Amino acid sequence: MHSAELCEYVEAGLAPEDEAIAAARAHGGQQGCPPIGPGCGAALRFLASALRARAVVEIGTGVGVSGLYLLAGMAPDGVLTSIDVEPEVQAVAKRTFRQAGIAPSRTRLIMGRALDVLPRLTDGGYDLLFVDAAKHEYPAYHEQGVRLLRPGGVLAFDNVLCRANPGQRDAETVALREVVSAVRDDERLVPLLLPLGDGLLVAAKAG
């Protein structure tokens, strides 16, 4: 199988997306807010399930696609805390969760800048932190993530390879390179870079 065909096969995920995710994905296109692909979604669901996650933080609610994948893998009583600065897309996400039959008690949607919200969350109180938001803030999310995770918890950054051209020096590209280097060199973390979508960087908190 050629590399392009292999990537397409992996990105398709292992199972068809259900109606709720398909509808949310369509809304994302209408809102100009492209959601994660099925491959990354499957990875998030796997991580949440493997961790038996009961407390997850998501930075970048979008229209709810990644949230649905996370909730599908989490424990039945798990709570997803999702942060976004855009009220319009959070309103769509709230509708997405309701239409998918997610109990309101399982989601906590917070509108605001993540770097203002994260310091108010409990140290070591979370199983998983997923980041798909402003790329120039990724390095700051790294340190906050390590603080928030319990030992064995996982930090995940989406789109870390979306600007992999070594000639690019804009602020977002530099920030993405910085977070990859910082996670790689952080002795508190065990990192792995997955070639899913535009690159999914995951790291388990040691200890």
N, C-alpha and C. Protein backbone atom coordinates (compact mmCIF):
# COMPACT_ATOMS: atom_id res chain seq x y z
N MET A 1 0.84 -1.19 0.00
CA MET A 1 0.00 0.00 0.00
C MET A 1 0.88 1.25 0.00
N HIS A 2 0.60 2.18 -0.92
CA HIS A 2 1.38 3.42 -1.00
C HIS A 2 1.12 4.29 0.23
N SER A 3 2.08 5.19 0.52
CA SER A 3 2.00 6.00 1.73
C SER A 3 0.73 6.85 1.76
N ALA A 4 0.33 7.42 0.61
CA ALA A 4 -0.87 8.25 0.57
C ALA A 4 -2.11 7.42 0.88
N GLU A 5 -2.15 6.21 0.33
CA GLU A 5 -3.29 5.33 0.59
C GLU A 5 -3.30 4.89 2.05
N LEU A 6 -2.12 4.65 2.60
CA LEU A 6 -2.01 4.25 3.99
C LEU A 6 -2.51 5.37 4.92
N CYS A 7 -2.08 6.59 4.64
CA CYS A 7 -2.53 7.73 5.44
C CYS A 7 -4.04 7.89 5.37
N GLU A 8 -4.58 7.74 4.17
CA GLU A 8 -6.03 7.87 3.99
C GLU A 8 -6.76 6.79 4.77
N TYR A 9 -6.21 5.58 4.76
CA TYR A 9 -6.81 4.46 5.49
C TYR A 9 -6.80 4.74 6.99
N VAL A 10 -5.66 5.21 7.50
CA VAL A 10 -5.54 5.51 8.94
C VAL A 10 -6.47 6.65 9.32
N GLU A 11 -6.51 7.69 8.49
CA GLU A 11 -7.33 8.85 8.81
C GLU A 11 -8.82 8.54 8.80
N ALA A 12 -9.20 7.48 8.09
CA ALA A 12 -10.62 7.12 8.03
C ALA A 12 -11.12 6.58 9.36
N GLY A 13 -10.20 6.23 10.26
CA GLY A 13 -10.63 5.66 11.54
C GLY A 13 -11.01 4.21 11.40
N LEU A 14 -11.33 3.58 12.51
CA LEU A 14 -11.64 2.16 12.49
C LEU A 14 -13.13 1.88 12.40
N ALA A 15 -13.94 2.90 12.53
CA ALA A 15 -15.39 2.73 12.47
C ALA A 15 -16.01 3.98 11.87
N PRO A 16 -17.14 3.84 11.17
CA PRO A 16 -17.81 5.01 10.61
C PRO A 16 -18.24 5.97 11.72
N GLU A 17 -18.19 7.26 11.43
CA GLU A 17 -18.66 8.24 12.41
C GLU A 17 -20.18 8.17 12.52
N ASP A 18 -20.69 8.30 13.74
CA ASP A 18 -22.14 8.24 13.92
C ASP A 18 -22.79 9.54 13.45
N GLU A 19 -24.11 9.57 13.50
CA GLU A 19 -24.85 10.72 12.96
C GLU A 19 -24.53 12.01 13.71
N ALA A 20 -24.36 11.91 15.02
CA ALA A 20 -24.10 13.11 15.82
C ALA A 20 -22.77 13.75 15.42
N ILE A 21 -21.74 12.93 15.24
CA ILE A 21 -20.43 13.46 14.85
C ILE A 21 -20.48 13.99 13.42
N ALA A 22 -21.15 13.27 12.53
CA ALA A 22 -21.26 13.72 11.14
C ALA A 22 -21.98 15.07 11.06
N ALA A 23 -23.04 15.23 11.84
CA ALA A 23 -23.78 16.49 11.84
C ALA A 23 -22.92 17.62 12.40
N ALA A 24 -22.19 17.33 13.49
CA ALA A 24 -21.31 18.35 14.07
C ALA A 24 -20.20 18.74 13.10
N ARG A 25 -19.67 17.76 12.38
CA ARG A 25 -18.62 18.04 11.41
C ARG A 25 -19.14 18.99 10.32
N ALA A 26 -20.38 18.76 9.88
CA ALA A 26 -20.98 19.64 8.87
C ALA A 26 -21.14 21.06 9.42
N HIS A 27 -21.55 21.17 10.68
CA HIS A 27 -21.69 22.49 11.31
C HIS A 27 -20.33 23.19 11.40
N GLY A 28 -19.28 22.41 11.66
CA GLY A 28 -17.95 22.98 11.74
C GLY A 28 -17.56 23.65 10.44
N GLY A 29 -17.89 23.00 9.32
CA GLY A 29 -17.60 23.59 8.02
C GLY A 29 -18.36 24.88 7.81
N GLN A 30 -19.62 24.92 8.25
CA GLN A 30 -20.44 26.12 8.09
C GLN A 30 -19.93 27.26 8.97
N GLN A 31 -19.36 26.92 10.13
CA GLN A 31 -18.88 27.93 11.06
C GLN A 31 -17.44 28.37 10.76
N GLY A 32 -16.80 27.74 9.76
CA GLY A 32 -15.40 28.03 9.49
C GLY A 32 -14.50 27.56 10.62
N CYS A 33 -14.92 26.45 11.25
CA CYS A 33 -14.20 25.91 12.41
C CYS A 33 -13.95 24.42 12.15
N PRO A 34 -12.94 24.10 11.33
CA PRO A 34 -12.72 22.70 10.96
C PRO A 34 -12.38 21.83 12.16
N PRO A 35 -13.13 20.74 12.38
CA PRO A 35 -12.88 19.86 13.52
C PRO A 35 -11.77 18.85 13.23
N ILE A 36 -11.39 18.12 14.26
CA ILE A 36 -10.40 17.06 14.09
C ILE A 36 -10.94 15.98 13.16
N GLY A 37 -10.03 15.25 12.51
CA GLY A 37 -10.43 14.16 11.63
C GLY A 37 -10.76 12.89 12.40
N PRO A 38 -11.30 11.90 11.72
CA PRO A 38 -11.66 10.65 12.38
C PRO A 38 -10.47 9.93 13.02
N GLY A 39 -9.29 10.04 12.39
CA GLY A 39 -8.11 9.37 12.96
C GLY A 39 -7.74 9.94 14.31
N CYS A 40 -7.68 11.27 14.41
CA CYS A 40 -7.38 11.91 15.70
C CYS A 40 -8.50 11.66 16.70
N GLY A 41 -9.73 11.67 16.20
CA GLY A 41 -10.86 11.39 17.08
C GLY A 41 -10.76 10.00 17.69
N ALA A 42 -10.41 9.03 16.87
CA ALA A 42 -10.26 7.67 17.37
C ALA A 42 -9.14 7.60 18.42
N ALA A 43 -8.07 8.36 18.19
CA ALA A 43 -6.96 8.38 19.15
C ALA A 43 -7.41 8.97 20.49
N LEU A 44 -8.20 10.04 20.45
CA LEU A 44 -8.70 10.65 21.68
C LEU A 44 -9.62 9.70 22.43
N ARG A 45 -10.50 9.05 21.70
CA ARG A 45 -11.41 8.07 22.34
C ARG A 45 -10.61 6.95 22.98
N PHE A 46 -9.58 6.46 22.28
CA PHE A 46 -8.72 5.41 22.82
C PHE A 46 -8.03 5.87 24.10
N LEU A 47 -7.44 7.07 24.07
CA LEU A 47 -6.73 7.58 25.24
C LEU A 47 -7.68 7.71 26.44
N ALA A 48 -8.86 8.29 26.20
CA ALA A 48 -9.82 8.46 27.29
C ALA A 48 -10.25 7.12 27.86
N SER A 49 -10.40 6.13 26.99
CA SER A 49 -10.80 4.80 27.45
C SER A 49 -9.67 4.10 28.20
N ALA A 50 -8.45 4.16 27.65
CA ALA A 50 -7.31 3.51 28.30
C ALA A 50 -7.03 4.11 29.67
N LEU A 51 -7.26 5.40 29.82
CA LEU A 51 -7.04 6.08 31.09
C LEU A 51 -8.21 5.93 32.05
N ARG A 52 -9.32 5.35 31.55
CA ARG A 52 -10.57 5.30 32.32
C ARG A 52 -10.90 6.71 32.85
N ALA A 53 -10.77 7.65 31.95
CA ALA A 53 -10.83 9.06 32.31
C ALA A 53 -12.19 9.46 32.88
N ARG A 54 -12.13 10.15 34.00
CA ARG A 54 -13.33 10.70 34.62
C ARG A 54 -13.32 12.22 34.62
N ALA A 55 -12.13 12.80 34.41
CA ALA A 55 -12.01 14.26 34.39
C ALA A 55 -11.07 14.65 33.25
N VAL A 56 -11.62 15.32 32.25
CA VAL A 56 -10.86 15.71 31.06
C VAL A 56 -11.03 17.20 30.82
N VAL A 57 -9.95 17.86 30.43
CA VAL A 57 -10.00 19.27 30.03
C VAL A 57 -9.70 19.36 28.54
N GLU A 58 -10.51 20.13 27.85
CA GLU A 58 -10.32 20.37 26.41
C GLU A 58 -10.18 21.87 26.20
N ILE A 59 -9.11 22.27 25.53
CA ILE A 59 -8.91 23.68 25.19
C ILE A 59 -9.23 23.83 23.71
N GLY A 60 -10.33 24.48 23.43
CA GLY A 60 -10.82 24.60 22.06
C GLY A 60 -12.03 23.69 21.87
N THR A 61 -13.21 24.15 22.28
CA THR A 61 -14.43 23.35 22.18
C THR A 61 -14.79 23.08 20.74
N GLY A 62 -14.61 24.12 19.89
CA GLY A 62 -15.07 23.99 18.52
C GLY A 62 -16.58 23.72 18.51
N VAL A 63 -17.02 22.90 17.58
CA VAL A 63 -18.45 22.60 17.48
C VAL A 63 -18.80 21.29 18.19
N GLY A 64 -17.84 20.71 18.90
CA GLY A 64 -18.15 19.55 19.73
C GLY A 64 -17.70 18.20 19.19
N VAL A 65 -17.02 18.16 18.04
CA VAL A 65 -16.60 16.88 17.48
C VAL A 65 -15.60 16.18 18.40
N SER A 66 -14.53 16.88 18.78
CA SER A 66 -13.54 16.26 19.65
C SER A 66 -14.15 15.91 21.00
N GLY A 67 -15.08 16.75 21.48
CA GLY A 67 -15.75 16.46 22.74
C GLY A 67 -16.54 15.17 22.69
N LEU A 68 -17.21 14.91 21.59
CA LEU A 68 -17.97 13.66 21.45
C LEU A 68 -17.04 12.45 21.47
N TYR A 69 -15.90 12.56 20.81
CA TYR A 69 -14.95 11.45 20.82
C TYR A 69 -14.42 11.22 22.23
N LEU A 70 -14.07 12.30 22.93
CA LEU A 70 -13.57 12.16 24.29
C LEU A 70 -14.61 11.54 25.21
N LEU A 71 -15.83 12.03 25.14
CA LEU A 71 -16.90 11.52 25.98
C LEU A 71 -17.20 10.06 25.70
N ALA A 72 -17.04 9.65 24.44
CA ALA A 72 -17.29 8.25 24.08
C ALA A 72 -16.30 7.31 24.76
N GLY A 73 -15.09 7.80 25.05
CA GLY A 73 -14.10 6.95 25.68
C GLY A 73 -14.06 7.07 27.19
N MET A 74 -14.62 8.14 27.73
CA MET A 74 -14.56 8.40 29.16
C MET A 74 -15.48 7.47 29.95
N ALA A 75 -15.22 7.40 31.24
CA ALA A 75 -16.10 6.65 32.13
C ALA A 75 -17.51 7.23 32.06
N PRO A 76 -18.54 6.39 32.30
CA PRO A 76 -19.93 6.87 32.16
C PRO A 76 -20.27 8.08 33.02
N ASP A 77 -19.56 8.24 34.13
CA ASP A 77 -19.83 9.39 34.99
C ASP A 77 -18.77 10.48 34.82
N GLY A 78 -17.95 10.35 33.78
CA GLY A 78 -16.89 11.32 33.57
C GLY A 78 -17.42 12.67 33.13
N VAL A 79 -16.65 13.73 33.46
CA VAL A 79 -17.05 15.10 33.12
C VAL A 79 -15.99 15.74 32.23
N LEU A 80 -16.43 16.29 31.12
CA LEU A 80 -15.56 17.01 30.19
C LEU A 80 -15.68 18.51 30.45
N THR A 81 -14.56 19.14 30.80
CA THR A 81 -14.49 20.60 30.93
C THR A 81 -13.89 21.15 29.65
N SER A 82 -14.65 21.95 28.92
CA SER A 82 -14.21 22.43 27.61
C SER A 82 -14.22 23.96 27.58
N ILE A 83 -13.11 24.53 27.14
CA ILE A 83 -12.90 25.98 27.19
C ILE A 83 -12.77 26.54 25.77
N ASP A 84 -13.46 27.64 25.50
CA ASP A 84 -13.35 28.28 24.18
C ASP A 84 -13.66 29.77 24.33
N VAL A 85 -13.05 30.57 23.47
CA VAL A 85 -13.28 32.02 23.51
C VAL A 85 -14.43 32.45 22.61
N GLU A 86 -14.95 31.53 21.79
CA GLU A 86 -15.97 31.90 20.81
C GLU A 86 -17.35 31.44 21.27
N PRO A 87 -18.22 32.36 21.68
CA PRO A 87 -19.55 31.96 22.16
C PRO A 87 -20.39 31.28 21.09
N GLU A 88 -20.20 31.68 19.82
CA GLU A 88 -21.03 31.10 18.75
C GLU A 88 -20.76 29.61 18.58
N VAL A 89 -19.48 29.24 18.58
CA VAL A 89 -19.19 27.82 18.38
C VAL A 89 -19.53 27.01 19.63
N GLN A 90 -19.37 27.62 20.81
CA GLN A 90 -19.76 26.89 22.03
C GLN A 90 -21.26 26.64 22.06
N ALA A 91 -22.04 27.56 21.52
CA ALA A 91 -23.49 27.35 21.44
C ALA A 91 -23.80 26.16 20.53
N VAL A 92 -23.06 26.05 19.42
CA VAL A 92 -23.23 24.90 18.53
C VAL A 92 -22.83 23.62 19.24
N ALA A 93 -21.72 23.67 19.98
CA ALA A 93 -21.25 22.48 20.70
C ALA A 93 -22.28 22.03 21.74
N LYS A 94 -22.87 22.99 22.44
CA LYS A 94 -23.89 22.64 23.44
C LYS A 94 -25.06 21.92 22.77
N ARG A 95 -25.46 22.41 21.61
CA ARG A 95 -26.53 21.75 20.86
C ARG A 95 -26.08 20.38 20.38
N THR A 96 -24.82 20.28 19.95
CA THR A 96 -24.28 18.99 19.51
C THR A 96 -24.36 17.95 20.62
N PHE A 97 -23.93 18.32 21.82
CA PHE A 97 -23.97 17.38 22.95
C PHE A 97 -25.40 16.99 23.30
N ARG A 98 -26.30 17.96 23.27
CA ARG A 98 -27.70 17.68 23.60
C ARG A 98 -28.31 16.71 22.58
N GLN A 99 -28.05 16.96 21.30
CA GLN A 99 -28.62 16.10 20.25
C GLN A 99 -28.02 14.70 20.27
N ALA A 100 -26.78 14.58 20.79
CA ALA A 100 -26.15 13.26 20.89
C ALA A 100 -26.60 12.51 22.14
N GLY A 101 -27.44 13.13 22.95
CA GLY A 101 -27.95 12.47 24.14
C GLY A 101 -27.01 12.51 25.33
N ILE A 102 -26.03 13.45 25.30
CA ILE A 102 -25.09 13.58 26.42
C ILE A 102 -25.79 14.32 27.56
N ALA A 103 -25.78 13.73 28.74
CA ALA A 103 -26.40 14.37 29.90
C ALA A 103 -25.71 15.70 30.21
N PRO A 104 -26.47 16.74 30.53
CA PRO A 104 -25.86 18.05 30.82
C PRO A 104 -24.82 17.99 31.93
N SER A 105 -24.98 17.06 32.86
CA SER A 105 -24.04 16.96 33.98
C SER A 105 -22.66 16.45 33.55
N ARG A 106 -22.53 15.96 32.32
CA ARG A 106 -21.26 15.40 31.85
C ARG A 106 -20.39 16.42 31.13
N THR A 107 -20.90 17.60 30.91
CA THR A 107 -20.10 18.64 30.24
C THR A 107 -20.14 19.93 31.05
N ARG A 108 -19.00 20.60 31.07
CA ARG A 108 -18.88 21.91 31.70
C ARG A 108 -18.21 22.82 30.67
N LEU A 109 -19.02 23.63 30.00
CA LEU A 109 -18.50 24.51 28.96
C LEU A 109 -18.20 25.87 29.57
N ILE A 110 -16.95 26.31 29.40
CA ILE A 110 -16.50 27.58 29.96
C ILE A 110 -16.07 28.49 28.82
N MET A 111 -16.69 29.65 28.73
CA MET A 111 -16.29 30.61 27.71
C MET A 111 -15.25 31.55 28.30
N GLY A 112 -14.13 31.65 27.62
CA GLY A 112 -13.07 32.52 28.10
C GLY A 112 -11.73 32.10 27.53
N ARG A 113 -10.72 32.87 27.84
CA ARG A 113 -9.36 32.58 27.39
C ARG A 113 -8.78 31.49 28.29
N ALA A 114 -8.29 30.44 27.68
CA ALA A 114 -7.84 29.27 28.44
C ALA A 114 -6.77 29.63 29.47
N LEU A 115 -5.87 30.54 29.12
CA LEU A 115 -4.79 30.89 30.04
C LEU A 115 -5.31 31.65 31.26
N ASP A 116 -6.54 32.17 31.18
CA ASP A 116 -7.17 32.77 32.35
C ASP A 116 -7.94 31.74 33.17
N VAL A 117 -8.45 30.71 32.48
CA VAL A 117 -9.28 29.70 33.14
C VAL A 117 -8.43 28.61 33.80
N LEU A 118 -7.40 28.13 33.11
CA LEU A 118 -6.63 26.98 33.60
C LEU A 118 -6.05 27.17 35.01
N PRO A 119 -5.53 28.36 35.36
CA PRO A 119 -4.99 28.51 36.72
C PRO A 119 -6.01 28.29 37.82
N ARG A 120 -7.30 28.35 37.50
CA ARG A 120 -8.34 28.15 38.50
C ARG A 120 -8.72 26.68 38.67
N LEU A 121 -8.17 25.81 37.81
CA LEU A 121 -8.50 24.38 37.89
C LEU A 121 -7.55 23.67 38.86
N THR A 122 -7.99 22.53 39.37
CA THR A 122 -7.30 21.83 40.45
C THR A 122 -6.01 21.15 40.01
N ASP A 123 -4.94 21.38 40.75
CA ASP A 123 -3.67 20.69 40.50
C ASP A 123 -3.86 19.18 40.59
N GLY A 124 -3.32 18.46 39.59
CA GLY A 124 -3.36 17.00 39.62
C GLY A 124 -4.74 16.40 39.59
N GLY A 125 -5.73 17.17 39.15
CA GLY A 125 -7.11 16.70 39.21
C GLY A 125 -7.66 16.12 37.92
N TYR A 126 -6.81 15.98 36.89
CA TYR A 126 -7.34 15.59 35.58
C TYR A 126 -6.57 14.43 34.98
N ASP A 127 -7.29 13.63 34.20
CA ASP A 127 -6.71 12.45 33.55
C ASP A 127 -6.13 12.76 32.18
N LEU A 128 -6.70 13.75 31.51
CA LEU A 128 -6.33 14.04 30.12
C LEU A 128 -6.58 15.51 29.83
N LEU A 129 -5.64 16.12 29.14
CA LEU A 129 -5.79 17.50 28.65
C LEU A 129 -5.56 17.48 27.15
N PHE A 130 -6.56 17.92 26.38
CA PHE A 130 -6.45 17.98 24.92
C PHE A 130 -6.46 19.43 24.47
N VAL A 131 -5.50 19.79 23.63
CA VAL A 131 -5.33 21.17 23.17
C VAL A 131 -5.51 21.26 21.65
N ASP A 132 -6.48 22.06 21.24
CA ASP A 132 -6.68 22.34 19.82
C ASP A 132 -7.20 23.78 19.74
N ALA A 133 -6.29 24.72 19.95
CA ALA A 133 -6.69 26.12 20.06
C ALA A 133 -5.59 27.00 19.47
N ALA A 134 -5.44 28.21 20.02
CA ALA A 134 -4.47 29.17 19.49
C ALA A 134 -3.06 28.61 19.56
N LYS A 135 -2.44 28.43 18.41
CA LYS A 135 -1.14 27.76 18.34
C LYS A 135 -0.04 28.55 19.06
N HIS A 136 -0.11 29.87 19.05
CA HIS A 136 0.96 30.65 19.68
C HIS A 136 0.95 30.51 21.19
N GLU A 137 -0.13 29.96 21.75
CA GLU A 137 -0.20 29.76 23.20
C GLU A 137 0.17 28.33 23.62
N TYR A 138 0.48 27.46 22.68
CA TYR A 138 0.77 26.06 23.00
C TYR A 138 1.87 25.90 24.08
N PRO A 139 2.98 26.65 24.00
CA PRO A 139 4.02 26.46 25.03
C PRO A 139 3.50 26.72 26.44
N ALA A 140 2.60 27.68 26.61
CA ALA A 140 2.04 27.96 27.93
C ALA A 140 1.12 26.84 28.38
N TYR A 141 0.42 26.20 27.44
CA TYR A 141 -0.46 25.09 27.80
C TYR A 141 0.34 23.88 28.28
N HIS A 142 1.55 23.74 27.79
CA HIS A 142 2.40 22.62 28.22
C HIS A 142 2.60 22.65 29.73
N GLU A 143 3.03 23.79 30.25
CA GLU A 143 3.31 23.88 31.69
C GLU A 143 2.03 23.76 32.52
N GLN A 144 0.97 24.39 32.06
CA GLN A 144 -0.30 24.27 32.75
C GLN A 144 -0.79 22.81 32.75
N GLY A 145 -0.59 22.14 31.62
CA GLY A 145 -1.03 20.75 31.51
C GLY A 145 -0.33 19.83 32.49
N VAL A 146 0.97 19.99 32.63
CA VAL A 146 1.72 19.16 33.57
C VAL A 146 1.20 19.38 34.99
N ARG A 147 0.88 20.61 35.32
CA ARG A 147 0.35 20.91 36.65
C ARG A 147 -1.00 20.27 36.89
N LEU A 148 -1.84 20.28 35.87
CA LEU A 148 -3.22 19.80 36.03
C LEU A 148 -3.34 18.29 36.04
N LEU A 149 -2.40 17.58 35.39
CA LEU A 149 -2.54 16.14 35.23
C LEU A 149 -2.15 15.37 36.48
N ARG A 150 -2.86 14.29 36.74
CA ARG A 150 -2.44 13.32 37.75
C ARG A 150 -1.29 12.51 37.20
N PRO A 151 -0.50 11.83 38.05
CA PRO A 151 0.52 10.92 37.53
C PRO A 151 -0.13 9.86 36.62
N GLY A 152 0.45 9.66 35.45
CA GLY A 152 -0.13 8.75 34.48
C GLY A 152 -1.10 9.40 33.53
N GLY A 153 -1.47 10.66 33.81
CA GLY A 153 -2.36 11.38 32.91
C GLY A 153 -1.66 11.75 31.61
N VAL A 154 -2.44 12.15 30.62
CA VAL A 154 -1.90 12.39 29.27
C VAL A 154 -2.22 13.79 28.78
N LEU A 155 -1.22 14.42 28.21
CA LEU A 155 -1.31 15.73 27.56
C LEU A 155 -1.29 15.49 26.05
N ALA A 156 -2.22 16.10 25.32
CA ALA A 156 -2.30 15.89 23.87
C ALA A 156 -2.46 17.23 23.15
N PHE A 157 -1.59 17.46 22.16
CA PHE A 157 -1.63 18.68 21.34
C PHE A 157 -1.92 18.31 19.89
N ASP A 158 -2.94 18.94 19.31
CA ASP A 158 -3.27 18.69 17.91
C ASP A 158 -2.55 19.69 17.00
N ASN A 159 -2.37 19.32 15.74
CA ASN A 159 -1.84 20.20 14.69
C ASN A 159 -0.38 20.61 14.87
N VAL A 160 0.42 19.81 15.57
CA VAL A 160 1.80 20.24 15.83
C VAL A 160 2.68 20.18 14.58
N LEU A 161 2.24 19.49 13.53
CA LEU A 161 3.04 19.41 12.31
C LEU A 161 2.42 20.18 11.15
N CYS A 162 1.41 21.01 11.47
CA CYS A 162 0.71 21.68 10.36
C CYS A 162 1.58 22.73 9.67
N ARG A 163 2.67 23.14 10.32
CA ARG A 163 3.58 24.12 9.71
C ARG A 163 5.00 23.63 9.88
N ALA A 164 5.25 22.46 9.31
CA ALA A 164 6.54 21.80 9.53
C ALA A 164 7.65 22.30 8.62
N ASN A 165 7.33 23.20 7.69
CA ASN A 165 8.36 23.74 6.79
C ASN A 165 9.43 24.47 7.59
N PRO A 166 10.68 24.00 7.55
CA PRO A 166 11.73 24.62 8.37
C PRO A 166 11.99 26.08 8.01
N GLY A 167 11.54 26.53 6.84
CA GLY A 167 11.77 27.91 6.45
C GLY A 167 10.79 28.89 7.06
N GLN A 168 9.70 28.39 7.64
CA GLN A 168 8.69 29.28 8.22
C GLN A 168 9.14 29.75 9.60
N ARG A 169 8.98 31.07 9.84
CA ARG A 169 9.41 31.65 11.11
C ARG A 169 8.32 32.52 11.73
N ASP A 170 7.08 32.35 11.33
CA ASP A 170 6.00 33.14 11.94
C ASP A 170 5.78 32.68 13.38
N ALA A 171 5.04 33.46 14.15
CA ALA A 171 4.88 33.22 15.59
C ALA A 171 4.24 31.86 15.88
N GLU A 172 3.22 31.47 15.10
CA GLU A 172 2.55 30.20 15.37
C GLU A 172 3.47 29.02 15.08
N THR A 173 4.21 29.10 13.98
CA THR A 173 5.13 28.01 13.63
C THR A 173 6.21 27.86 14.69
N VAL A 174 6.77 28.98 15.12
CA VAL A 174 7.81 28.95 16.16
C VAL A 174 7.25 28.35 17.45
N ALA A 175 6.03 28.71 17.81
CA ALA A 175 5.42 28.19 19.03
C ALA A 175 5.20 26.69 18.95
N LEU A 176 4.80 26.20 17.79
CA LEU A 176 4.61 24.75 17.62
C LEU A 176 5.93 24.00 17.77
N ARG A 177 7.00 24.57 17.20
CA ARG A 177 8.30 23.92 17.36
C ARG A 177 8.74 23.95 18.82
N GLU A 178 8.46 25.06 19.48
CA GLU A 178 8.84 25.19 20.89
C GLU A 178 8.14 24.16 21.75
N VAL A 179 6.85 23.93 21.52
CA VAL A 179 6.14 23.00 22.38
C VAL A 179 6.60 21.57 22.14
N VAL A 180 6.90 21.23 20.89
CA VAL A 180 7.42 19.88 20.62
C VAL A 180 8.75 19.69 21.34
N SER A 181 9.63 20.67 21.26
CA SER A 181 10.94 20.57 21.93
C SER A 181 10.78 20.52 23.45
N ALA A 182 9.87 21.36 23.97
CA ALA A 182 9.68 21.43 25.42
C ALA A 182 9.13 20.12 25.97
N VAL A 183 8.16 19.54 25.28
CA VAL A 183 7.60 18.26 25.72
C VAL A 183 8.64 17.15 25.60
N ARG A 184 9.39 17.17 24.51
CA ARG A 184 10.44 16.15 24.31
C ARG A 184 11.48 16.19 25.42
N ASP A 185 11.84 17.39 25.86
CA ASP A 185 12.92 17.55 26.83
C ASP A 185 12.44 17.57 28.29
N ASP A 186 11.14 17.49 28.50
CA ASP A 186 10.59 17.55 29.85
C ASP A 186 10.70 16.17 30.51
N GLU A 187 11.53 16.05 31.53
CA GLU A 187 11.76 14.76 32.18
C GLU A 187 10.54 14.26 32.95
N ARG A 188 9.55 15.11 33.12
CA ARG A 188 8.31 14.69 33.79
C ARG A 188 7.37 13.98 32.83
N LEU A 189 7.68 14.00 31.54
CA LEU A 189 6.78 13.48 30.52
C LEU A 189 7.42 12.38 29.70
N VAL A 190 6.56 11.47 29.19
CA VAL A 190 6.98 10.42 28.26
C VAL A 190 6.25 10.70 26.95
N PRO A 191 6.94 11.28 25.94
CA PRO A 191 6.26 11.79 24.74
C PRO A 191 6.19 10.79 23.58
N LEU A 192 5.22 11.07 22.70
CA LEU A 192 5.06 10.31 21.47
C LEU A 192 4.41 11.23 20.45
N LEU A 193 4.95 11.25 19.23
CA LEU A 193 4.39 12.06 18.15
C LEU A 193 3.72 11.12 17.15
N LEU A 194 2.41 11.29 16.97
CA LEU A 194 1.63 10.43 16.08
C LEU A 194 1.32 11.14 14.77
N PRO A 195 1.54 10.47 13.63
CA PRO A 195 1.28 11.09 12.33
C PRO A 195 -0.20 11.00 11.95
N LEU A 196 -1.04 11.58 12.77
CA LEU A 196 -2.48 11.61 12.52
C LEU A 196 -2.89 13.06 12.24
N GLY A 197 -3.71 13.26 11.23
CA GLY A 197 -4.09 14.62 10.87
C GLY A 197 -2.86 15.45 10.57
N ASP A 198 -2.76 16.60 11.23
CA ASP A 198 -1.60 17.47 11.10
C ASP A 198 -0.61 17.27 12.23
N GLY A 199 -0.62 16.07 12.83
CA GLY A 199 0.33 15.74 13.88
C GLY A 199 -0.31 15.83 15.26
N LEU A 200 -0.32 14.71 15.97
CA LEU A 200 -0.87 14.68 17.33
C LEU A 200 0.27 14.33 18.28
N LEU A 201 0.65 15.29 19.13
CA LEU A 201 1.70 15.09 20.11
C LEU A 201 1.04 14.69 21.42
N VAL A 202 1.41 13.51 21.94
CA VAL A 202 0.88 13.04 23.22
C VAL A 202 2.03 12.79 24.17
N ALA A 203 1.77 12.95 25.46
CA ALA A 203 2.81 12.73 26.46
C ALA A 203 2.16 12.32 27.78
N ALA A 204 2.64 11.24 28.35
CA ALA A 204 2.14 10.78 29.64
C ALA A 204 2.97 11.40 30.76
N LYS A 205 2.32 11.78 31.83
CA LYS A 205 3.00 12.34 32.98
C LYS A 205 3.58 11.20 33.83
N ALA A 206 4.86 11.20 34.00
CA ALA A 206 5.53 10.12 34.76
C ALA A 206 5.21 10.24 36.24
N GLY A 207 5.47 9.14 36.94
CA GLY A 207 5.29 9.17 38.39
C GLY A 207 4.10 8.35 38.83
